[in-house]
Amino acid sequence: MITLYKKKDCAFCDEIEAGFREIVLAYKIGNTLDLTKEEQGNLPLIIENEKRISGKSAITAFLNDTKQLMTQWQKFQSDSCYLDGDGKVC
């Protein structure tokens, strides 16, 4: 499960949540009081299993990577056939 720890009135945090919703990613909002003081100073923070992601560039990369993974996952989760860019059946 992915947990997002965020500040109140944080525009970037709103962008993160919008990104999660866009790729239909399950997540929960964590209580910042459960974090260490150092982690509280590095909000927003995403925790995925044991992995901690903070900082705008790292979080943006995480969202982009996750979006790409979800796109690939969804591509192979249907009973439909599709063609790649060269017209080959995948």
C-alpha atoms as a PDB file:
ATOM      1  CA  MET A   1       0.000   0.000   0.000  1.00  0.00           C
ATOM      2  CA  ILE A   2       1.186   3.475  -0.821  1.00  0.00           C
ATOM      3  CA  THR A   3       0.939   6.104   1.898  1.00  0.00           C
ATOM      4  CA  LEU A   4       1.177   9.834   1.237  1.00  0.00           C
ATOM      5  CA  TYR A   5       2.225  12.125   4.058  1.00  0.00           C
ATOM      6  CA  LYS A   6       1.544  15.759   3.263  1.00  0.00           C
ATOM      7  CA  LYS A   7       1.300  19.283   4.580  1.00  0.00           C
ATOM      8  CA  LYS A   8      -1.942  21.214   4.722  1.00  0.00           C
ATOM      9  CA  ASP A   9      -2.499  23.644   1.860  1.00  0.00           C
ATOM     10  CA  CYS A  10       0.212  22.066  -0.298  1.00  0.00           C
ATOM     11  CA  ALA A  11      -0.316  22.591  -4.038  1.00  0.00           C
ATOM     12  CA  PHE A  12       2.279  19.952  -4.955  1.00  0.00           C
ATOM     13  CA  CYS A  13       0.529  17.463  -2.652  1.00  0.00           C
ATOM     14  CA  ASP A  14      -2.697  18.130  -4.550  1.00  0.00           C
ATOM     15  CA  GLU A  15      -0.822  17.395  -7.799  1.00  0.00           C
ATOM     16  CA  ILE A  16       0.438  14.117  -6.339  1.00  0.00           C
ATOM     17  CA  GLU A  17      -3.084  13.062  -5.390  1.00  0.00           C
ATOM     18  CA  ALA A  18      -4.360  14.059  -8.842  1.00  0.00           C
ATOM     19  CA  GLY A  19      -1.623  11.885 -10.355  1.00  0.00           C
ATOM     20  CA  PHE A  20      -2.668   8.943  -8.173  1.00  0.00           C
ATOM     21  CA  ARG A  21      -6.297   9.386  -9.222  1.00  0.00           C
ATOM     22  CA  GLU A  22      -5.339   9.688 -12.896  1.00  0.00           C
ATOM     23  CA  ILE A  23      -3.668   6.286 -12.878  1.00  0.00           C
ATOM     24  CA  VAL A  24      -6.290   4.823 -10.513  1.00  0.00           C
ATOM     25  CA  LEU A  25      -3.716   4.036  -7.844  1.00  0.00           C
ATOM     26  CA  ALA A  26      -4.866   3.036  -4.374  1.00  0.00           C
ATOM     27  CA  TYR A  27      -3.249   5.041  -1.584  1.00  0.00           C
ATOM     28  CA  LYS A  28      -3.945   6.346   1.877  1.00  0.00           C
ATOM     29  CA  ILE A  29      -3.092   9.573   3.670  1.00  0.00           C
ATOM     30  CA  GLY A  30      -0.810   9.019   6.647  1.00  0.00           C
ATOM     31  CA  ASN A  31      -0.662  10.901   9.925  1.00  0.00           C
ATOM     32  CA  THR A  32       2.487  13.032   9.911  1.00  0.00           C
ATOM     33  CA  LEU A  33       2.795  12.595  13.689  1.00  0.00           C
ATOM     34  CA  ASP A  34       3.778   8.970  12.988  1.00  0.00           C
ATOM     35  CA  LEU A  35       6.916  10.187  11.193  1.00  0.00           C
ATOM     36  CA  THR A  36      10.301  11.106  12.621  1.00  0.00           C
ATOM     37  CA  LYS A  37      11.069  14.820  12.963  1.00  0.00           C
ATOM     38  CA  GLU A  38      13.448  14.530   9.999  1.00  0.00           C
ATOM     39  CA  GLU A  39      10.729  12.963   7.840  1.00  0.00           C
ATOM     40  CA  GLN A  40       8.237  15.603   8.975  1.00  0.00           C
ATOM     41  CA  GLY A  41      10.656  18.208   7.628  1.00  0.00           C
ATOM     42  CA  ASN A  42      10.749  16.506   4.214  1.00  0.00           C
ATOM     43  CA  LEU A  43       7.068  16.563   3.308  1.00  0.00           C
ATOM     44  CA  PRO A  44       5.479  15.522   1.062  1.00  0.00           C
ATOM     45  CA  LEU A  45       6.662  11.959   1.560  1.00  0.00           C
ATOM     46  CA  ILE A  46       5.492   8.792  -0.156  1.00  0.00           C
ATOM     47  CA  ILE A  47       6.084   5.437   1.495  1.00  0.00           C
ATOM     48  CA  GLU A  48       5.646   2.328  -0.635  1.00  0.00           C
ATOM     49  CA  ASN A  49       6.364  -0.773   1.425  1.00  0.00           C
ATOM     50  CA  GLU A  50       9.835   0.053   2.824  1.00  0.00           C
ATOM     51  CA  LYS A  51      10.717   2.615   0.130  1.00  0.00           C
ATOM     52  CA  ARG A  52      10.593   6.309   1.105  1.00  0.00           C
ATOM     53  CA  ILE A  53      10.302   8.931  -1.628  1.00  0.00           C
ATOM     54  CA  SER A  54      10.592  12.658  -0.946  1.00  0.00           C
ATOM     55  CA  GLY A  55      11.616  15.725  -2.894  1.00  0.00           C
ATOM     56  CA  LYS A  56       9.832  17.105  -5.927  1.00  0.00           C
ATOM     57  CA  SER A  57      12.067  15.475  -8.554  1.00  0.00           C
ATOM     58  CA  ALA A  58      12.023  12.037  -6.886  1.00  0.00           C
ATOM     59  CA  ILE A  59       8.248  12.125  -6.419  1.00  0.00           C
ATOM     60  CA  THR A  60       7.701  13.291 -10.004  1.00  0.00           C
ATOM     61  CA  ALA A  61       9.929  10.451 -11.251  1.00  0.00           C
ATOM     62  CA  PHE A  62       7.997   7.978  -9.065  1.00  0.00           C
ATOM     63  CA  LEU A  63       4.677   9.188 -10.518  1.00  0.00           C
ATOM     64  CA  ASN A  64       5.991   8.989 -14.086  1.00  0.00           C
ATOM     65  CA  ASP A  65       7.444   5.501 -13.565  1.00  0.00           C
ATOM     66  CA  THR A  66       4.248   4.294 -11.909  1.00  0.00           C
ATOM     67  CA  LYS A  67       2.102   5.774 -14.680  1.00  0.00           C
ATOM     68  CA  GLN A  68       4.240   3.993 -17.282  1.00  0.00           C
ATOM     69  CA  LEU A  69       4.001   0.704 -15.361  1.00  0.00           C
ATOM     70  CA  MET A  70       0.221   1.013 -15.023  1.00  0.00           C
ATOM     71  CA  THR A  71      -0.121   1.771 -18.751  1.00  0.00           C
ATOM     72  CA  GLN A  72       1.840  -1.376 -19.607  1.00  0.00           C
ATOM     73  CA  TRP A  73      -0.107  -3.407 -17.059  1.00  0.00           C
ATOM     74  CA  GLN A  74      -3.474  -2.287 -18.438  1.00  0.00           C
ATOM     75  CA  LYS A  75      -2.360  -3.023 -21.981  1.00  0.00           C
ATOM     76  CA  PHE A  76      -2.085  -6.713 -21.171  1.00  0.00           C
ATOM     77  CA  GLN A  77      -5.128  -7.005 -18.885  1.00  0.00           C
ATOM     78  CA  SER A  78      -7.801  -7.347 -21.537  1.00  0.00           C
ATOM     79  CA  ASP A  79      -8.988  -9.909 -24.028  1.00  0.00           C
ATOM     80  CA  SER A  80      -8.396  -7.560 -26.932  1.00  0.00           C
ATOM     81  CA  CYS A  81      -5.677  -7.687 -29.540  1.00  0.00           C
ATOM     82  CA  TYR A  82      -3.716  -4.625 -30.542  1.00  0.00           C
ATOM     83  CA  LEU A  83      -1.002  -3.654 -32.981  1.00  0.00           C
ATOM     84  CA  ASP A  84       2.285  -2.040 -32.102  1.00  0.00           C
ATOM     85  CA  GLY A  85       3.718   0.907 -34.058  1.00  0.00           C
ATOM     86  CA  ASP A  86       5.045  -1.424 -36.787  1.00  0.00           C
ATOM     87  CA  GLY A  87       1.662  -3.104 -37.277  1.00  0.00           C
ATOM     88  CA  LYS A  88       2.702  -6.307 -35.539  1.00  0.00           C
ATOM     89  CA  VAL A  89       0.241  -8.093 -33.288  1.00  0.00           C
ATOM     90  CA  CYS A  90       1.404  -7.955 -29.695  1.00  0.00           C
END
